[in-house]
C-alpha atoms as a PDB file:
ATOM      1  CA  MET A   1     112.110 -70.200 112.544  1.00  0.00           C
ATOM      2  CA  ASP A   2     112.442 -66.745 111.000  1.00  0.00           C
ATOM      3  CA  VAL A   3     111.781 -64.184 113.746  1.00  0.00           C
ATOM      4  CA  MET A   4     110.035 -61.996 111.164  1.00  0.00           C
ATOM      5  CA  GLN A   5     107.389 -64.800 110.689  1.00  0.00           C
ATOM      6  CA  ALA A   6     106.866 -65.322 114.449  1.00  0.00           C
ATOM      7  CA  CYS A   7     104.108 -64.327 116.832  1.00  0.00           C
ATOM      8  CA  ARG A   8     104.450 -60.661 117.475  1.00  0.00           C
ATOM      9  CA  CYS A   9     103.860 -61.296 121.312  1.00  0.00           C
ATOM     10  CA  CYS A  10     106.189 -64.231 122.048  1.00  0.00           C
ATOM     11  CA  LEU A  11     108.439 -64.766 118.982  1.00  0.00           C
ATOM     12  CA  LEU A  12     108.396 -68.526 119.911  1.00  0.00           C
ATOM     13  CA  TYR A  13     105.588 -69.742 117.558  1.00  0.00           C
ATOM     14  CA  PRO A  14     104.399 -69.088 114.141  1.00  0.00           C
ATOM     15  CA  PRO A  15     101.352 -66.922 114.012  1.00  0.00           C
ATOM     16  CA  ASP A  16      97.965 -68.562 113.857  1.00  0.00           C
ATOM     17  CA  LYS A  17      95.807 -65.429 113.486  1.00  0.00           C
ATOM     18  CA  ASP A  18      96.248 -61.927 112.040  1.00  0.00           C
ATOM     19  CA  LEU A  19      96.413 -59.114 114.699  1.00  0.00           C
ATOM     20  CA  THR A  20      94.162 -56.692 112.750  1.00  0.00           C
ATOM     21  CA  THR A  21      91.411 -59.110 111.334  1.00  0.00           C
ATOM     22  CA  PRO A  22      88.315 -59.328 113.427  1.00  0.00           C
ATOM     23  CA  HIS A  23      87.858 -62.822 114.837  1.00  0.00           C
ATOM     24  CA  THR A  24      84.844 -64.130 116.733  1.00  0.00           C
ATOM     25  CA  HIS A  25      85.171 -65.954 120.104  1.00  0.00           C
ATOM     26  CA  LEU A  26      82.030 -67.011 122.059  1.00  0.00           C
ATOM     27  CA  GLY A  27      79.936 -64.672 119.848  1.00  0.00           C
ATOM     28  CA  LYS A  28      82.154 -61.741 120.670  1.00  0.00           C
ATOM     29  CA  ALA A  29      84.272 -59.991 118.019  1.00  0.00           C
ATOM     30  CA  GLU A  30      87.976 -59.614 118.764  1.00  0.00           C
ATOM     31  CA  ILE A  31      90.668 -57.623 117.213  1.00  0.00           C
ATOM     32  CA  TYR A  32      93.812 -58.654 118.874  1.00  0.00           C
ATOM     33  CA  ALA A  33      95.873 -55.512 118.094  1.00  0.00           C
ATOM     34  CA  ASP A  34      92.976 -53.435 119.754  1.00  0.00           C
ATOM     35  CA  MET A  35      92.805 -55.761 122.706  1.00  0.00           C
ATOM     36  CA  ILE A  36      96.604 -55.289 123.260  1.00  0.00           C
ATOM     37  CA  LYS A  37      96.186 -51.497 122.971  1.00  0.00           C
ATOM     38  CA  GLU A  38      93.252 -51.397 125.379  1.00  0.00           C
ATOM     39  CA  CYS A  39      94.741 -53.826 127.844  1.00  0.00           C
ATOM     40  CA  PHE A  40      98.376 -52.807 127.971  1.00  0.00           C
ATOM     41  CA  ASP A  41      98.433 -49.481 126.230  1.00  0.00           C
ATOM     42  CA  ILE A  42     100.926 -50.845 123.735  1.00  0.00           C
ATOM     43  CA  GLN A  43     100.603 -49.797 120.116  1.00  0.00           C
ATOM     44  CA  LEU A  44     102.066 -52.482 117.890  1.00  0.00           C
ATOM     45  CA  GLN A  45     104.114 -51.544 114.842  1.00  0.00           C
ATOM     46  CA  LEU A  46     102.290 -53.742 112.400  1.00  0.00           C
ATOM     47  CA  ALA A  47     103.956 -55.157 109.375  1.00  0.00           C
ATOM     48  CA  VAL A  48     102.768 -53.530 106.072  1.00  0.00           C
ATOM     49  CA  GLY A  49     102.869 -54.979 102.620  1.00  0.00           C
ATOM     50  CA  GLY A  50     104.021 -58.550 103.441  1.00  0.00           C
ATOM     51  CA  SER A  51     107.216 -57.491 105.171  1.00  0.00           C
ATOM     52  CA  GLY A  52     107.215 -59.448 108.310  1.00  0.00           C
ATOM     53  CA  SER A  53     104.561 -60.808 110.679  1.00  0.00           C
ATOM     54  CA  SER A  54     101.418 -59.199 111.917  1.00  0.00           C
ATOM     55  CA  GLY A  55     100.163 -62.294 113.628  1.00  0.00           C
ATOM     56  CA  ILE A  56      99.723 -63.910 117.057  1.00  0.00           C
ATOM     57  CA  CYS A  57      99.877 -67.422 118.000  1.00  0.00           C
ATOM     58  CA  CYS A  58      96.957 -69.354 119.705  1.00  0.00           C
ATOM     59  CA  THR A  59      98.895 -69.469 122.952  1.00  0.00           C
ATOM     60  CA  CYS A  60      99.259 -65.727 123.106  1.00  0.00           C
ATOM     61  CA  VAL A  61      95.480 -65.241 122.030  1.00  0.00           C
ATOM     62  CA  GLY A  62      94.568 -67.250 125.094  1.00  0.00           C
ATOM     63  CA  ARG A  63      96.837 -65.212 127.375  1.00  0.00           C
ATOM     64  CA  LEU A  64      95.488 -61.996 125.890  1.00  0.00           C
ATOM     65  CA  ARG A  65      91.906 -63.064 126.424  1.00  0.00           C
ATOM     66  CA  ASP A  66      92.679 -63.959 130.035  1.00  0.00           C
ATOM     67  CA  ALA A  67      94.467 -60.518 130.659  1.00  0.00           C
ATOM     68  CA  SER A  68      91.578 -58.598 128.855  1.00  0.00           C
ATOM     69  CA  ASP A  69      89.012 -60.557 130.907  1.00  0.00           C
ATOM     70  CA  PHE A  70      90.900 -59.806 134.119  1.00  0.00           C
ATOM     71  CA  LYS A  71      91.101 -56.122 133.344  1.00  0.00           C
ATOM     72  CA  LEU A  72      87.541 -55.982 132.737  1.00  0.00           C
ATOM     73  CA  GLN A  73      86.833 -57.851 136.023  1.00  0.00           C
ATOM     74  CA  VAL A  74      88.964 -55.433 138.020  1.00  0.00           C
ATOM     75  CA  GLN A  75      87.209 -52.458 136.331  1.00  0.00           C
ATOM     76  CA  ARG A  76      83.812 -53.807 137.189  1.00  0.00           C
ATOM     77  CA  SER A  77      84.871 -54.504 140.703  1.00  0.00           C
ATOM     78  CA  GLN A  78      86.116 -51.071 141.146  1.00  0.00           C
ATOM     79  CA  ALA A  79      82.883 -49.559 139.752  1.00  0.00           C
ATOM     80  CA  GLU A  80      80.781 -51.596 142.076  1.00  0.00           C
ATOM     81  CA  LEU A  81      82.953 -50.641 145.044  1.00  0.00           C
ATOM     82  CA  GLN A  82      82.647 -47.050 144.163  1.00  0.00           C
ATOM     83  CA  ALA A  83      78.854 -47.346 143.747  1.00  0.00           C
ATOM     84  CA  ARG A  84      78.625 -48.993 147.151  1.00  0.00           C
ATOM     85  CA  SER A  85      80.793 -46.347 148.679  1.00  0.00           C
ATOM     86  CA  GLN A  86      78.725 -43.613 147.266  1.00  0.00           C
ATOM     87  CA  GLY A  87      75.574 -45.347 148.320  1.00  0.00           C
ATOM     88  CA  ALA A  88      76.918 -45.736 151.905  1.00  0.00           C
ATOM     89  CA  SER A  89      77.819 -42.103 151.933  1.00  0.00           C
ATOM     90  CA  LEU A  90      74.341 -41.064 150.841  1.00  0.00           C
ATOM     91  CA  VAL A  91      72.825 -43.203 153.602  1.00  0.00           C
ATOM     92  CA  LYS A  92      75.176 -41.587 156.092  1.00  0.00           C
ATOM     93  CA  GLU A  93      74.161 -38.167 154.912  1.00  0.00           C
ATOM     94  CA  GLU A  94      70.448 -39.098 155.107  1.00  0.00           C
ATOM     95  CA  GLU A  95      70.892 -40.395 158.643  1.00  0.00           C
ATOM     96  CA  SER A  96      72.737 -37.225 159.593  1.00  0.00           C
ATOM     97  CA  ALA A  97      69.962 -35.026 158.125  1.00  0.00           C
ATOM     98  CA  VAL A  98      67.306 -37.177 160.076  1.00  0.00           C
ATOM     99  CA  GLU A  99      69.305 -36.814 163.247  1.00  0.00           C
ATOM    100  CA  CYS A 100      69.577 -33.041 162.829  1.00  0.00           C
ATOM    101  CA  GLU A 101      65.759 -32.888 162.325  1.00  0.00           C
ATOM    102  CA  ASN A 102      64.903 -35.190 165.234  1.00  0.00           C
ATOM    103  CA  PRO A 103      67.708 -34.938 167.848  1.00  0.00           C
ATOM    104  CA  LYS A 104      67.719 -37.941 170.156  1.00  0.00           C
ATOM    105  CA  MET A 105      66.580 -37.496 173.622  1.00  0.00           C
ATOM    106  CA  GLN A 106      69.613 -36.970 175.731  1.00  0.00           C
ATOM    107  CA  ASP A 107      67.944 -36.878 179.033  1.00  0.00           C
ATOM    108  CA  THR A 108      66.668 -40.224 180.316  1.00  0.00           C
ATOM    109  CA  ASP A 109      65.297 -40.882 183.736  1.00  0.00           C
ATOM    110  CA  GLU A 110      68.456 -42.751 184.698  1.00  0.00           C
ATOM    111  CA  SER A 111      70.850 -40.099 183.413  1.00  0.00           C
ATOM    112  CA  ARG A 112      69.180 -37.124 184.963  1.00  0.00           C
ATOM    113  CA  GLY A 113      69.730 -36.048 188.523  1.00  0.00           C
ATOM    114  CA  PRO A 114      67.102 -35.928 191.184  1.00  0.00           C
ATOM    115  CA  GLU A 115      64.242 -33.632 190.784  1.00  0.00           C
ATOM    116  CA  PRO A 116      64.257 -30.781 193.260  1.00  0.00           C
ATOM    117  CA  GLY A 117      63.038 -31.973 196.546  1.00  0.00           C
ATOM    118  CA  GLU A 118      63.676 -35.725 195.718  1.00  0.00           C
ATOM    119  CA  SER A 119      65.908 -37.715 197.863  1.00  0.00           C
ATOM    120  CA  THR A 120      69.082 -39.008 196.310  1.00  0.00           C
ATOM    121  CA  THR A 121      68.913 -42.298 198.277  1.00  0.00           C
ATOM    122  CA  ARG A 122      66.963 -45.204 197.025  1.00  0.00           C
ATOM    123  CA  GLN A 123      64.562 -46.975 199.176  1.00  0.00           C
END
């Protein structure tokens, strides 16, 4: 197979789809060149005017979708962790503010020493 007519991602298979044409998968528009850029920060040098391939094979499309989905999953998880962390920090700050306004009783009957004139022995 002519490498110039191969999948731009693996060079093993002939391309099944164009990298720059919008495709729909599960009701969602996909432009594979954009997905590669967003997911891996790789700007493909695409063929212009029929010289060479600007395509991707179905195998690489599947792998690209998996990678893109994984990246989105990690980003959502990080955002959730950050939101939870900020929420926990806010709760701690509120608890600290309440403690400053209403300090806990430090003296309890058991922790205090005997009152003046009281015996230190128990009966």
